[in-house]
Amino acid sequence: MLAKRTVSLMTVLLLAACARTDLGAPCHLEDATGAELQPQPGRTYLYLGSSECGSFACLATPGAQGGYCSQACAGAGASCPSGLACAQLALNAQYLDSMKARLSPDRYQLLFGQMGSSWYCVRH
């Protein structure tokens, strides 16, 4: 009986390890009104709240053709799925501070509350 449970547990763990991820899959960036945003060359965009991505993070980086699903990572040297590397985004702290001053606490939380890190899996 113990051997059967061990085999069952190992099967579940192997299936979980092989689970598909949407990281790197195409996604659409949206502005504050919900309209699709076209990335400008040389700029990085992070859209938190994307329903197209399991992690709710759609990222567009210079050189990428549109947005792609990303996720926060632990910092320099942290692992990301194949084709992605953990890199720190250059967030504009002054912009975030001005948004915090202009928006109600609820609206700020809705728009920026999911941003717990400036490290994300990016295409390299």
PDB file of N, CA and C in Angstrom:
ATOM      1  N   MET A   1       0.826  -1.189   0.000  1.00  0.00           N
ATOM      2  CA  MET A   1       0.000   0.000   0.000  1.00  0.00           C
ATOM      3  C   MET A   1       0.871   1.254   0.000  1.00  0.00           C
ATOM      4  N   LEU A   2       1.942   1.268   0.821  1.00  0.00           N
ATOM      5  CA  LEU A   2       2.839   2.411   0.879  1.00  0.00           C
ATOM      6  C   LEU A   2       3.521   2.626  -0.472  1.00  0.00           C
ATOM      7  N   ALA A   3       3.910   1.549  -1.136  1.00  0.00           N
ATOM      8  CA  ALA A   3       4.564   1.652  -2.440  1.00  0.00           C
ATOM      9  C   ALA A   3       3.614   2.259  -3.467  1.00  0.00           C
ATOM     10  N   LYS A   4       2.337   1.877  -3.411  1.00  0.00           N
ATOM     11  CA  LYS A   4       1.345   2.405  -4.351  1.00  0.00           C
ATOM     12  C   LYS A   4       1.154   3.911  -4.129  1.00  0.00           C
ATOM     13  N   ARG A   5       1.090   4.334  -2.861  1.00  0.00           N
ATOM     14  CA  ARG A   5       0.949   5.759  -2.560  1.00  0.00           C
ATOM     15  C   ARG A   5       2.170   6.542  -3.016  1.00  0.00           C
ATOM     16  N   THR A   6       3.354   5.953  -2.837  1.00  0.00           N
ATOM     17  CA  THR A   6       4.594   6.608  -3.251  1.00  0.00           C
ATOM     18  C   THR A   6       4.609   6.798  -4.766  1.00  0.00           C
ATOM     19  N   VAL A   7       4.207   5.762  -5.515  1.00  0.00           N
ATOM     20  CA  VAL A   7       4.161   5.862  -6.982  1.00  0.00           C
ATOM     21  C   VAL A   7       3.146   6.919  -7.397  1.00  0.00           C
ATOM     22  N   SER A   8       1.992   6.953  -6.749  1.00  0.00           N
ATOM     23  CA  SER A   8       0.973   7.950  -7.074  1.00  0.00           C
ATOM     24  C   SER A   8       1.479   9.356  -6.805  1.00  0.00           C
ATOM     25  N   LEU A   9       2.142   9.552  -5.675  1.00  0.00           N
ATOM     26  CA  LEU A   9       2.684  10.853  -5.322  1.00  0.00           C
ATOM     27  C   LEU A   9       3.760  11.271  -6.317  1.00  0.00           C
ATOM     28  N   MET A  10       4.632  10.352  -6.705  1.00  0.00           N
ATOM     29  CA  MET A  10       5.680  10.661  -7.680  1.00  0.00           C
ATOM     30  C   MET A  10       5.073  11.052  -9.028  1.00  0.00           C
ATOM     31  N   THR A  11       4.004  10.382  -9.434  1.00  0.00           N
ATOM     32  CA  THR A  11       3.334  10.705 -10.697  1.00  0.00           C
ATOM     33  C   THR A  11       2.765  12.112 -10.655  1.00  0.00           C
ATOM     34  N   VAL A  12       2.116  12.480  -9.565  1.00  0.00           N
ATOM     35  CA  VAL A  12       1.558  13.820  -9.417  1.00  0.00           C
ATOM     36  C   VAL A  12       2.666  14.873  -9.456  1.00  0.00           C
ATOM     37  N   LEU A  13       3.764  14.615  -8.760  1.00  0.00           N
ATOM     38  CA  LEU A  13       4.878  15.556  -8.749  1.00  0.00           C
ATOM     39  C   LEU A  13       5.494  15.717 -10.131  1.00  0.00           C
ATOM     40  N   LEU A  14       5.641  14.620 -10.872  1.00  0.00           N
ATOM     41  CA  LEU A  14       6.191  14.704 -12.223  1.00  0.00           C
ATOM     42  C   LEU A  14       5.265  15.488 -13.148  1.00  0.00           C
ATOM     43  N   LEU A  15       3.974  15.261 -13.035  1.00  0.00           N
ATOM     44  CA  LEU A  15       3.016  16.002 -13.863  1.00  0.00           C
ATOM     45  C   LEU A  15       3.055  17.485 -13.533  1.00  0.00           C
ATOM     46  N   ALA A  16       3.180  17.808 -12.266  1.00  0.00           N
ATOM     47  CA  ALA A  16       3.264  19.220 -11.868  1.00  0.00           C
ATOM     48  C   ALA A  16       4.545  19.847 -12.396  1.00  0.00           C
ATOM     49  N   ALA A  17       5.631  19.113 -12.389  1.00  0.00           N
ATOM     50  CA  ALA A  17       6.903  19.635 -12.884  1.00  0.00           C
ATOM     51  C   ALA A  17       6.855  19.885 -14.384  1.00  0.00           C
ATOM     52  N   CYS A  18       6.011  19.131 -15.090  1.00  0.00           N
ATOM     53  CA  CYS A  18       5.903  19.285 -16.543  1.00  0.00           C
ATOM     54  C   CYS A  18       4.753  20.205 -16.938  1.00  0.00           C
ATOM     55  N   ALA A  19       4.122  20.845 -15.988  1.00  0.00           N
ATOM     56  CA  ALA A  19       2.977  21.707 -16.284  1.00  0.00           C
ATOM     57  C   ALA A  19       3.394  22.819 -17.234  1.00  0.00           C
ATOM     58  N   ARG A  20       2.509  23.119 -18.151  1.00  0.00           N
ATOM     59  CA  ARG A  20       2.782  24.177 -19.115  1.00  0.00           C
ATOM     60  C   ARG A  20       2.641  25.535 -18.454  1.00  0.00           C
ATOM     61  N   THR A  21       3.362  26.480 -18.988  1.00  0.00           N
ATOM     62  CA  THR A  21       3.308  27.835 -18.485  1.00  0.00           C
ATOM     63  C   THR A  21       3.021  28.767 -19.654  1.00  0.00           C
ATOM     64  N   ASP A  22       2.426  29.905 -19.374  1.00  0.00           N
ATOM     65  CA  ASP A  22       2.172  30.875 -20.446  1.00  0.00           C
ATOM     66  C   ASP A  22       3.278  31.921 -20.513  1.00  0.00           C
ATOM     67  N   LEU A  23       4.328  31.777 -19.712  1.00  0.00           N
ATOM     68  CA  LEU A  23       5.428  32.745 -19.739  1.00  0.00           C
ATOM     69  C   LEU A  23       6.022  32.816 -21.141  1.00  0.00           C
ATOM     70  N   GLY A  24       6.157  34.035 -21.654  1.00  0.00           N
ATOM     71  CA  GLY A  24       6.676  34.247 -22.991  1.00  0.00           C
ATOM     72  C   GLY A  24       5.599  34.278 -24.064  1.00  0.00           C
ATOM     73  N   ALA A  25       4.370  33.858 -23.714  1.00  0.00           N
ATOM     74  CA  ALA A  25       3.267  33.871 -24.683  1.00  0.00           C
ATOM     75  C   ALA A  25       2.848  35.316 -24.973  1.00  0.00           C
ATOM     76  N   PRO A  26       2.383  35.593 -26.190  1.00  0.00           N
ATOM     77  CA  PRO A  26       1.956  36.954 -26.533  1.00  0.00           C
ATOM     78  C   PRO A  26       0.782  37.421 -25.664  1.00  0.00           C
ATOM     79  N   CYS A  27       0.763  38.707 -25.360  1.00  0.00           N
ATOM     80  CA  CYS A  27      -0.346  39.315 -24.628  1.00  0.00           C
ATOM     81  C   CYS A  27      -0.471  40.769 -25.087  1.00  0.00           C
ATOM     82  N   HIS A  28      -1.568  41.396 -24.718  1.00  0.00           N
ATOM     83  CA  HIS A  28      -1.835  42.773 -25.122  1.00  0.00           C
ATOM     84  C   HIS A  28      -1.686  43.713 -23.939  1.00  0.00           C
ATOM     85  N   LEU A  29      -1.028  44.817 -24.189  1.00  0.00           N
ATOM     86  CA  LEU A  29      -0.882  45.864 -23.175  1.00  0.00           C
ATOM     87  C   LEU A  29      -2.109  46.755 -23.232  1.00  0.00           C
ATOM     88  N   GLU A  30      -2.575  47.206 -22.067  1.00  0.00           N
ATOM     89  CA  GLU A  30      -3.721  48.110 -22.008  1.00  0.00           C
ATOM     90  C   GLU A  30      -3.355  49.361 -21.235  1.00  0.00           C
ATOM     91  N   ASP A  31      -3.970  50.481 -21.631  1.00  0.00           N
ATOM     92  CA  ASP A  31      -3.761  51.721 -20.877  1.00  0.00           C
ATOM     93  C   ASP A  31      -4.803  51.802 -19.761  1.00  0.00           C
ATOM     94  N   ALA A  32      -4.817  52.900 -19.043  1.00  0.00           N
ATOM     95  CA  ALA A  32      -5.702  53.052 -17.883  1.00  0.00           C
ATOM     96  C   ALA A  32      -7.175  52.992 -18.242  1.00  0.00           C
ATOM     97  N   THR A  33      -7.524  53.248 -19.517  1.00  0.00           N
ATOM     98  CA  THR A  33      -8.928  53.204 -19.936  1.00  0.00           C
ATOM     99  C   THR A  33      -9.320  51.839 -20.484  1.00  0.00           C
ATOM    100  N   GLY A  34      -8.355  50.923 -20.610  1.00  0.00           N
ATOM    101  CA  GLY A  34      -8.637  49.593 -21.132  1.00  0.00           C
ATOM    102  C   GLY A  34      -8.382  49.468 -22.627  1.00  0.00           C
ATOM    103  N   ALA A  35      -7.926  50.549 -23.274  1.00  0.00           N
ATOM    104  CA  ALA A  35      -7.610  50.505 -24.698  1.00  0.00           C
ATOM    105  C   ALA A  35      -6.246  49.851 -24.901  1.00  0.00           C
ATOM    106  N   GLU A  36      -6.095  49.182 -26.053  1.00  0.00           N
ATOM    107  CA  GLU A  36      -4.808  48.547 -26.334  1.00  0.00           C
ATOM    108  C   GLU A  36      -3.735  49.599 -26.536  1.00  0.00           C
ATOM    109  N   LEU A  37      -2.590  49.349 -25.934  1.00  0.00           N
ATOM    110  CA  LEU A  37      -1.461  50.266 -25.985  1.00  0.00           C
ATOM    111  C   LEU A  37      -0.414  49.700 -26.935  1.00  0.00           C
ATOM    112  N   GLN A  38       0.068  50.506 -27.852  1.00  0.00           N
ATOM    113  CA  GLN A  38       1.133  50.093 -28.764  1.00  0.00           C
ATOM    114  C   GLN A  38       2.472  50.538 -28.173  1.00  0.00           C
ATOM    115  N   PRO A  39       3.360  49.589 -27.854  1.00  0.00           N
ATOM    116  CA  PRO A  39       4.648  49.954 -27.255  1.00  0.00           C
ATOM    117  C   PRO A  39       5.459  50.860 -28.177  1.00  0.00           C
ATOM    118  N   GLN A  40       6.090  51.853 -27.611  1.00  0.00           N
ATOM    119  CA  GLN A  40       6.982  52.749 -28.338  1.00  0.00           C
ATOM    120  C   GLN A  40       8.386  52.149 -28.349  1.00  0.00           C
ATOM    121  N   PRO A  41       9.117  52.277 -29.455  1.00  0.00           N
ATOM    122  CA  PRO A  41      10.471  51.701 -29.535  1.00  0.00           C
ATOM    123  C   PRO A  41      11.373  52.215 -28.407  1.00  0.00           C
ATOM    124  N   GLY A  42      12.163  51.301 -27.859  1.00  0.00           N
ATOM    125  CA  GLY A  42      13.132  51.667 -26.827  1.00  0.00           C
ATOM    126  C   GLY A  42      12.565  51.786 -25.429  1.00  0.00           C
ATOM    127  N   ARG A  43      11.267  51.572 -25.259  1.00  0.00           N
ATOM    128  CA  ARG A  43      10.641  51.693 -23.936  1.00  0.00           C
ATOM    129  C   ARG A  43      10.218  50.332 -23.415  1.00  0.00           C
ATOM    130  N   THR A  44      10.168  50.219 -22.095  1.00  0.00           N
ATOM    131  CA  THR A  44       9.689  49.013 -21.433  1.00  0.00           C
ATOM    132  C   THR A  44       8.333  49.318 -20.815  1.00  0.00           C
ATOM    133  N   TYR A  45       7.395  48.393 -20.976  1.00  0.00           N
ATOM    134  CA  TYR A  45       6.050  48.546 -20.433  1.00  0.00           C
ATOM    135  C   TYR A  45       5.724  47.327 -19.585  1.00  0.00           C
ATOM    136  N   LEU A  46       5.151  47.555 -18.430  1.00  0.00           N
ATOM    137  CA  LEU A  46       4.696  46.484 -17.549  1.00  0.00           C
ATOM    138  C   LEU A  46       3.230  46.722 -17.261  1.00  0.00           C
ATOM    139  N   TYR A  47       2.382  45.815 -17.731  1.00  0.00           N
ATOM    140  CA  TYR A  47       0.944  45.916 -17.507  1.00  0.00           C
ATOM    141  C   TYR A  47       0.547  44.846 -16.502  1.00  0.00           C
ATOM    142  N   LEU A  48       0.218  45.273 -15.302  1.00  0.00           N
ATOM    143  CA  LEU A  48      -0.218  44.356 -14.251  1.00  0.00           C
ATOM    144  C   LEU A  48      -1.733  44.279 -14.284  1.00  0.00           C
ATOM    145  N   GLY A  49      -2.261  43.092 -14.291  1.00  0.00           N
ATOM    146  CA  GLY A  49      -3.705  42.908 -14.343  1.00  0.00           C
ATOM    147  C   GLY A  49      -4.156  42.254 -15.630  1.00  0.00           C
ATOM    148  N   SER A  50      -3.222  41.783 -16.444  1.00  0.00           N
ATOM    149  CA  SER A  50      -3.564  41.154 -17.717  1.00  0.00           C
ATOM    150  C   SER A  50      -4.268  39.823 -17.472  1.00  0.00           C
ATOM    151  N   SER A  51      -5.484  39.705 -17.993  1.00  0.00           N
ATOM    152  CA  SER A  51      -6.221  38.447 -17.846  1.00  0.00           C
ATOM    153  C   SER A  51      -5.700  37.386 -18.816  1.00  0.00           C
ATOM    154  N   GLU A  52      -4.827  37.781 -19.749  1.00  0.00           N
ATOM    155  CA  GLU A  52      -4.256  36.828 -20.704  1.00  0.00           C
ATOM    156  C   GLU A  52      -3.111  36.019 -20.093  1.00  0.00           C
ATOM    157  N   CYS A  53      -2.578  36.466 -18.972  1.00  0.00           N
ATOM    158  CA  CYS A  53      -1.400  35.834 -18.369  1.00  0.00           C
ATOM    159  C   CYS A  53      -1.750  35.270 -16.992  1.00  0.00           C
ATOM    160  N   GLY A  54      -1.297  34.070 -16.738  1.00  0.00           N
ATOM    161  CA  GLY A  54      -1.551  33.444 -15.446  1.00  0.00           C
ATOM    162  C   GLY A  54      -1.000  34.245 -14.283  1.00  0.00           C
ATOM    163  N   SER A  55       0.102  34.962 -14.513  1.00  0.00           N
ATOM    164  CA  SER A  55       0.706  35.775 -13.457  1.00  0.00           C
ATOM    165  C   SER A  55       0.149  37.197 -13.458  1.00  0.00           C
ATOM    166  N   PHE A  56      -0.736  37.502 -14.410  1.00  0.00           N
ATOM    167  CA  PHE A  56      -1.363  38.824 -14.579  1.00  0.00           C
ATOM    168  C   PHE A  56      -0.371  39.899 -14.991  1.00  0.00           C
ATOM    169  N   ALA A  57       0.842  39.524 -15.427  1.00  0.00           N
ATOM    170  CA  ALA A  57       1.853  40.513 -15.824  1.00  0.00           C
ATOM    171  C   ALA A  57       2.155  40.372 -17.306  1.00  0.00           C
ATOM    172  N   CYS A  58       1.871  41.433 -18.072  1.00  0.00           N
ATOM    173  CA  CYS A  58       2.205  41.499 -19.490  1.00  0.00           C
ATOM    174  C   CYS A  58       3.331  42.523 -19.617  1.00  0.00           C
ATOM    175  N   LEU A  59       4.418  42.126 -20.253  1.00  0.00           N
ATOM    176  CA  LEU A  59       5.611  42.942 -20.333  1.00  0.00           C
ATOM    177  C   LEU A  59       5.994  43.146 -21.793  1.00  0.00           C
ATOM    178  N   ALA A  60       6.406  44.350 -22.145  1.00  0.00           N
ATOM    179  CA  ALA A  60       6.970  44.630 -23.467  1.00  0.00           C
ATOM    180  C   ALA A  60       8.324  45.285 -23.241  1.00  0.00           C
ATOM    181  N   THR A  61       9.345  44.718 -23.828  1.00  0.00           N
ATOM    182  CA  THR A  61      10.704  45.229 -23.661  1.00  0.00           C
ATOM    183  C   THR A  61      11.265  45.626 -25.031  1.00  0.00           C
ATOM    184  N   PRO A  62      12.267  46.507 -25.042  1.00  0.00           N
ATOM    185  CA  PRO A  62      12.858  46.903 -26.316  1.00  0.00           C
ATOM    186  C   PRO A  62      13.315  45.683 -27.114  1.00  0.00           C
ATOM    187  N   GLY A  63      13.010  45.672 -28.378  1.00  0.00           N
ATOM    188  CA  GLY A  63      13.388  44.561 -29.253  1.00  0.00           C
ATOM    189  C   GLY A  63      12.336  43.478 -29.342  1.00  0.00           C
ATOM    190  N   ALA A  64      11.401  43.422 -28.412  1.00  0.00           N
ATOM    191  CA  ALA A  64      10.338  42.419 -28.457  1.00  0.00           C
ATOM    192  C   ALA A  64       9.240  42.911 -29.397  1.00  0.00           C
ATOM    193  N   GLN A  65       8.610  41.992 -30.075  1.00  0.00           N
ATOM    194  CA  GLN A  65       7.502  42.333 -30.968  1.00  0.00           C
ATOM    195  C   GLN A  65       6.203  42.268 -30.174  1.00  0.00           C
ATOM    196  N   GLY A  66       5.869  43.342 -29.470  1.00  0.00           N
ATOM    197  CA  GLY A  66       4.652  43.390 -28.665  1.00  0.00           C
ATOM    198  C   GLY A  66       4.874  42.855 -27.267  1.00  0.00           C
ATOM    199  N   GLY A  67       3.759  42.678 -26.550  1.00  0.00           N
ATOM    200  CA  GLY A  67       3.826  42.218 -25.177  1.00  0.00           C
ATOM    201  C   GLY A  67       3.923  40.707 -25.067  1.00  0.00           C
ATOM    202  N   TYR A  68       4.450  40.250 -23.932  1.00  0.00           N
ATOM    203  CA  TYR A  68       4.527  38.821 -23.646  1.00  0.00           C
ATOM    204  C   TYR A  68       4.320  38.610 -22.150  1.00  0.00           C
ATOM    205  N   CYS A  69       3.772  37.460 -21.789  1.00  0.00           N
ATOM    206  CA  CYS A  69       3.508  37.141 -20.390  1.00  0.00           C
ATOM    207  C   CYS A  69       4.827  36.976 -19.640  1.00  0.00           C
ATOM    208  N   SER A  70       4.877  37.550 -18.458  1.00  0.00           N
ATOM    209  CA  SER A  70       6.067  37.490 -17.620  1.00  0.00           C
ATOM    210  C   SER A  70       5.637  37.184 -16.188  1.00  0.00           C
ATOM    211  N   GLN A  71       6.583  37.152 -15.298  1.00  0.00           N
ATOM    212  CA  GLN A  71       6.304  37.003 -13.875  1.00  0.00           C
ATOM    213  C   GLN A  71       7.462  37.585 -13.093  1.00  0.00           C
ATOM    214  N   ALA A  72       7.186  37.970 -11.864  1.00  0.00           N
ATOM    215  CA  ALA A  72       8.253  38.463 -10.993  1.00  0.00           C
ATOM    216  C   ALA A  72       9.228  37.324 -10.729  1.00  0.00           C
ATOM    217  N   CYS A  73      10.497  37.678 -10.534  1.00  0.00           N
ATOM    218  CA  CYS A  73      11.517  36.691 -10.195  1.00  0.00           C
ATOM    219  C   CYS A  73      12.322  37.225  -9.008  1.00  0.00           C
ATOM    220  N   ALA A  74      13.180  36.386  -8.451  1.00  0.00           N
ATOM    221  CA  ALA A  74      13.809  36.689  -7.164  1.00  0.00           C
ATOM    222  C   ALA A  74      15.026  37.610  -7.219  1.00  0.00           C
ATOM    223  N   GLY A  75      15.518  37.951  -8.385  1.00  0.00           N
ATOM    224  CA  GLY A  75      16.679  38.838  -8.461  1.00  0.00           C
ATOM    225  C   GLY A  75      17.775  38.277  -9.330  1.00  0.00           C
ATOM    226  N   ALA A  76      18.903  38.965  -9.347  1.00  0.00           N
ATOM    227  CA  ALA A  76      20.028  38.583 -10.209  1.00  0.00           C
ATOM    228  C   ALA A  76      20.362  37.107 -10.043  1.00  0.00           C
ATOM    229  N   GLY A  77      20.434  36.412 -11.166  1.00  0.00           N
ATOM    230  CA  GLY A  77      20.786  34.994 -11.148  1.00  0.00           C
ATOM    231  C   GLY A  77      19.623  34.056 -10.904  1.00  0.00           C
ATOM    232  N   ALA A  78      18.446  34.585 -10.590  1.00  0.00           N
ATOM    233  CA  ALA A  78      17.279  33.724 -10.359  1.00  0.00           C
ATOM    234  C   ALA A  78      16.875  33.058 -11.670  1.00  0.00           C
ATOM    235  N   SER A  79      16.244  31.925 -11.568  1.00  0.00           N
ATOM    236  CA  SER A  79      15.887  31.191 -12.785  1.00  0.00           C
ATOM    237  C   SER A  79      14.537  31.641 -13.327  1.00  0.00           C
ATOM    238  N   CYS A  80      14.454  31.594 -14.644  1.00  0.00           N
ATOM    239  CA  CYS A  80      13.228  31.841 -15.391  1.00  0.00           C
ATOM    240  C   CYS A  80      13.153  30.741 -16.447  1.00  0.00           C
ATOM    241  N   PRO A  81      11.972  30.511 -17.024  1.00  0.00           N
ATOM    242  CA  PRO A  81      11.866  29.488 -18.065  1.00  0.00           C
ATOM    243  C   PRO A  81      12.775  29.784 -19.262  1.00  0.00           C
ATOM    244  N   SER A  82      13.015  28.781 -20.049  1.00  0.00           N
ATOM    245  CA  SER A  82      13.878  28.876 -21.226  1.00  0.00           C
ATOM    246  C   SER A  82      13.498  30.069 -22.107  1.00  0.00           C
ATOM    247  N   GLY A  83      14.512  30.806 -22.530  1.00  0.00           N
ATOM    248  CA  GLY A  83      14.285  31.966 -23.383  1.00  0.00           C
ATOM    249  C   GLY A  83      14.054  33.250 -22.610  1.00  0.00           C
ATOM    250  N   LEU A  84      13.952  33.158 -21.286  1.00  0.00           N
ATOM    251  CA  LEU A  84      13.741  34.330 -20.438  1.00  0.00           C
ATOM    252  C   LEU A  84      14.842  34.384 -19.383  1.00  0.00           C
ATOM    253  N   ALA A  85      15.184  35.585 -18.966  1.00  0.00           N
ATOM    254  CA  ALA A  85      16.190  35.771 -17.923  1.00  0.00           C
ATOM    255  C   ALA A  85      15.652  36.748 -16.891  1.00  0.00           C
ATOM    256  N   CYS A  86      16.045  36.583 -15.646  1.00  0.00           N
ATOM    257  CA  CYS A  86      15.605  37.476 -14.580  1.00  0.00           C
ATOM    258  C   CYS A  86      16.395  38.779 -14.673  1.00  0.00           C
ATOM    259  N   ALA A  87      15.683  39.887 -14.858  1.00  0.00           N
ATOM    260  CA  ALA A  87      16.331  41.197 -14.991  1.00  0.00           C
ATOM    261  C   ALA A  87      15.528  42.239 -14.229  1.00  0.00           C
ATOM    262  N   GLN A  88      16.227  43.262 -13.771  1.00  0.00           N
ATOM    263  CA  GLN A  88      15.562  44.328 -13.034  1.00  0.00           C
ATOM    264  C   GLN A  88      15.067  45.390 -14.015  1.00  0.00           C
ATOM    265  N   LEU A  89      13.799  45.754 -13.884  1.00  0.00           N
ATOM    266  CA  LEU A  89      13.216  46.796 -14.716  1.00  0.00           C
ATOM    267  C   LEU A  89      13.545  48.155 -14.116  1.00  0.00           C
ATOM    268  N   ALA A  90      13.752  49.125 -14.954  1.00  0.00           N
ATOM    269  CA  ALA A  90      14.018  50.493 -14.500  1.00  0.00           C
ATOM    270  C   ALA A  90      12.666  51.180 -14.307  1.00  0.00           C
ATOM    271  N   LEU A  91      12.153  51.115 -13.093  1.00  0.00           N
ATOM    272  CA  LEU A  91      10.866  51.737 -12.791  1.00  0.00           C
ATOM    273  C   LEU A  91      11.077  53.204 -12.454  1.00  0.00           C
ATOM    274  N   ASN A  92      10.167  54.027 -12.889  1.00  0.00           N
ATOM    275  CA  ASN A  92      10.250  55.458 -12.652  1.00  0.00           C
ATOM    276  C   ASN A  92       9.600  55.763 -11.299  1.00  0.00           C
ATOM    277  N   ALA A  93      10.404  55.870 -10.260  1.00  0.00           N
ATOM    278  CA  ALA A  93       9.903  56.097  -8.905  1.00  0.00           C
ATOM    279  C   ALA A  93       9.157  57.423  -8.799  1.00  0.00           C
ATOM    280  N   GLN A  94       9.619  58.437  -9.518  1.00  0.00           N
ATOM    281  CA  GLN A  94       8.948  59.740  -9.490  1.00  0.00           C
ATOM    282  C   GLN A  94       7.529  59.630 -10.054  1.00  0.00           C
ATOM    283  N   TYR A  95       7.377  58.852 -11.135  1.00  0.00           N
ATOM    284  CA  TYR A  95       6.050  58.634 -11.712  1.00  0.00           C
ATOM    285  C   TYR A  95       5.146  57.912 -10.716  1.00  0.00           C
ATOM    286  N   LEU A  96       5.680  56.856 -10.084  1.00  0.00           N
ATOM    287  CA  LEU A  96       4.885  56.112  -9.102  1.00  0.00           C
ATOM    288  C   LEU A  96       4.474  57.002  -7.933  1.00  0.00           C
ATOM    289  N   ASP A  97       5.388  57.852  -7.461  1.00  0.00           N
ATOM    290  CA  ASP A  97       5.064  58.773  -6.367  1.00  0.00           C
ATOM    291  C   ASP A  97       3.983  59.769  -6.784  1.00  0.00           C
ATOM    292  N   SER A  98       4.073  60.284  -8.009  1.00  0.00           N
ATOM    293  CA  SER A  98       3.057  61.243  -8.466  1.00  0.00           C
ATOM    294  C   SER A  98       1.699  60.570  -8.626  1.00  0.00           C
ATOM    295  N   MET A  99       1.690  59.313  -9.067  1.00  0.00           N
ATOM    296  CA  MET A  99       0.424  58.579  -9.199  1.00  0.00           C
ATOM    297  C   MET A  99      -0.178  58.305  -7.818  1.00  0.00           C
ATOM    298  N   LYS A 100       0.662  57.990  -6.863  1.00  0.00           N
ATOM    299  CA  LYS A 100       0.190  57.734  -5.500  1.00  0.00           C
ATOM    300  C   LYS A 100      -0.443  58.999  -4.913  1.00  0.00           C
ATOM    301  N   ALA A 101       0.127  60.163  -5.233  1.00  0.00           N
ATOM    302  CA  ALA A 101      -0.414  61.432  -4.731  1.00  0.00           C
ATOM    303  C   ALA A 101      -1.715  61.814  -5.446  1.00  0.00           C
ATOM    304  N   ARG A 102      -1.815  61.498  -6.742  1.00  0.00           N
ATOM    305  CA  ARG A 102      -2.979  61.891  -7.539  1.00  0.00           C
ATOM    306  C   ARG A 102      -4.178  60.970  -7.381  1.00  0.00           C
ATOM    307  N   LEU A 103      -3.937  59.680  -7.190  1.00  0.00           N
ATOM    308  CA  LEU A 103      -5.019  58.695  -7.177  1.00  0.00           C
ATOM    309  C   LEU A 103      -5.507  58.417  -5.761  1.00  0.00           C
ATOM    310  N   SER A 104      -6.737  57.974  -5.692  1.00  0.00           N
ATOM    311  CA  SER A 104      -7.240  57.521  -4.395  1.00  0.00           C
ATOM    312  C   SER A 104      -6.460  56.262  -4.018  1.00  0.00           C
ATOM    313  N   PRO A 105      -6.375  55.951  -2.725  1.00  0.00           N
ATOM    314  CA  PRO A 105      -5.652  54.732  -2.315  1.00  0.00           C
ATOM    315  C   PRO A 105      -6.193  53.468  -2.994  1.00  0.00           C
ATOM    316  N   ASP A 106      -7.512  53.377  -3.157  1.00  0.00           N
ATOM    317  CA  ASP A 106      -8.090  52.192  -3.806  1.00  0.00           C
ATOM    318  C   ASP A 106      -7.665  52.087  -5.268  1.00  0.00           C
ATOM    319  N   ARG A 107      -7.691  53.204  -5.988  1.00  0.00           N
ATOM    320  CA  ARG A 107      -7.316  53.213  -7.410  1.00  0.00           C
ATOM    321  C   ARG A 107      -5.828  52.902  -7.566  1.00  0.00           C
ATOM    322  N   TYR A 108      -4.996  53.474  -6.717  1.00  0.00           N
ATOM    323  CA  TYR A 108      -3.556  53.202  -6.776  1.00  0.00           C
ATOM    324  C   TYR A 108      -3.303  51.713  -6.535  1.00  0.00           C
ATOM    325  N   GLN A 109      -3.967  51.146  -5.554  1.00  0.00           N
ATOM    326  CA  GLN A 109      -3.816  49.723  -5.243  1.00  0.00           C
ATOM    327  C   GLN A 109      -4.257  48.877  -6.434  1.00  0.00           C
ATOM    328  N   LEU A 110      -5.344  49.257  -7.072  1.00  0.00           N
ATOM    329  CA  LEU A 110      -5.846  48.524  -8.231  1.00  0.00           C
ATOM    330  C   LEU A 110      -4.830  48.536  -9.372  1.00  0.00           C
ATOM    331  N   LEU A 111      -4.235  49.704  -9.632  1.00  0.00           N
ATOM    332  CA  LEU A 111      -3.317  49.836 -10.763  1.00  0.00           C
ATOM    333  C   LEU A 111      -1.893  49.358 -10.475  1.00  0.00           C
ATOM    334  N   PHE A 112      -1.409  49.597  -9.261  1.00  0.00           N
ATOM    335  CA  PHE A 112      -0.003  49.320  -8.977  1.00  0.00           C
ATOM    336  C   PHE A 112       0.227  48.360  -7.810  1.00  0.00           C
ATOM    337  N   GLY A 113      -0.823  47.920  -7.169  1.00  0.00           N
ATOM    338  CA  GLY A 113      -0.693  47.103  -5.965  1.00  0.00           C
ATOM    339  C   GLY A 113      -0.046  45.747  -6.173  1.00  0.00           C
ATOM    340  N   GLN A 114      -0.129  45.193  -7.393  1.00  0.00           N
ATOM    341  CA  GLN A 114       0.455  43.877  -7.653  1.00  0.00           C
ATOM    342  C   GLN A 114       1.959  43.936  -7.861  1.00  0.00           C
ATOM    343  N   MET A 115       2.508  45.130  -7.944  1.00  0.00           N
ATOM    344  CA  MET A 115       3.926  45.273  -8.229  1.00  0.00           C
ATOM    345  C   MET A 115       4.716  45.120  -6.939  1.00  0.00           C
ATOM    346  N   GLY A 116       5.109  43.896  -6.656  1.00  0.00           N
ATOM    347  CA  GLY A 116       5.860  43.629  -5.443  1.00  0.00           C
ATOM    348  C   GLY A 116       7.355  43.610  -5.677  1.00  0.00           C
ATOM    349  N   SER A 117       7.768  43.715  -6.944  1.00  0.00           N
ATOM    350  CA  SER A 117       9.178  43.599  -7.274  1.00  0.00           C
ATOM    351  C   SER A 117       9.465  44.369  -8.547  1.00  0.00           C
ATOM    352  N   SER A 118      10.718  44.732  -8.746  1.00  0.00           N
ATOM    353  CA  SER A 118      11.126  45.332 -10.008  1.00  0.00           C
ATOM    354  C   SER A 118      11.909  44.312 -10.850  1.00  0.00           C
ATOM    355  N   TRP A 119      11.984  43.066 -10.370  1.00  0.00           N
ATOM    356  CA  TRP A 119      12.659  41.982 -11.088  1.00  0.00           C
ATOM    357  C   TRP A 119      11.616  41.121 -11.793  1.00  0.00           C
ATOM    358  N   TYR A 120      11.774  40.972 -13.106  1.00  0.00           N
ATOM    359  CA  TYR A 120      10.834  40.191 -13.914  1.00  0.00           C
ATOM    360  C   TYR A 120      11.587  39.328 -14.918  1.00  0.00           C
ATOM    361  N   CYS A 121      10.945  38.255 -15.357  1.00  0.00           N
ATOM    362  CA  CYS A 121      11.501  37.402 -16.408  1.00  0.00           C
ATOM    363  C   CYS A 121      11.329  38.129 -17.732  1.00  0.00           C
ATOM    364  N   VAL A 122      12.447  38.410 -18.412  1.00  0.00           N
ATOM    365  CA  VAL A 122      12.419  39.156 -19.675  1.00  0.00           C
ATOM    366  C   VAL A 122      13.080  38.335 -20.783  1.00  0.00           C
ATOM    367  N   ARG A 123      12.688  38.636 -22.011  1.00  0.00           N
ATOM    368  CA  ARG A 123      13.341  37.993 -23.156  1.00  0.00           C
ATOM    369  C   ARG A 123      14.732  38.576 -23.316  1.00  0.00           C
ATOM    370  N   HIS A 124      15.666  37.723 -23.634  1.00  0.00           N
ATOM    371  CA  HIS A 124      17.034  38.208 -23.849  1.00  0.00           C
ATOM    372  C   HIS A 124      17.513  37.890 -25.245  1.00  0.00           C
TER     373      HIS A 124
END
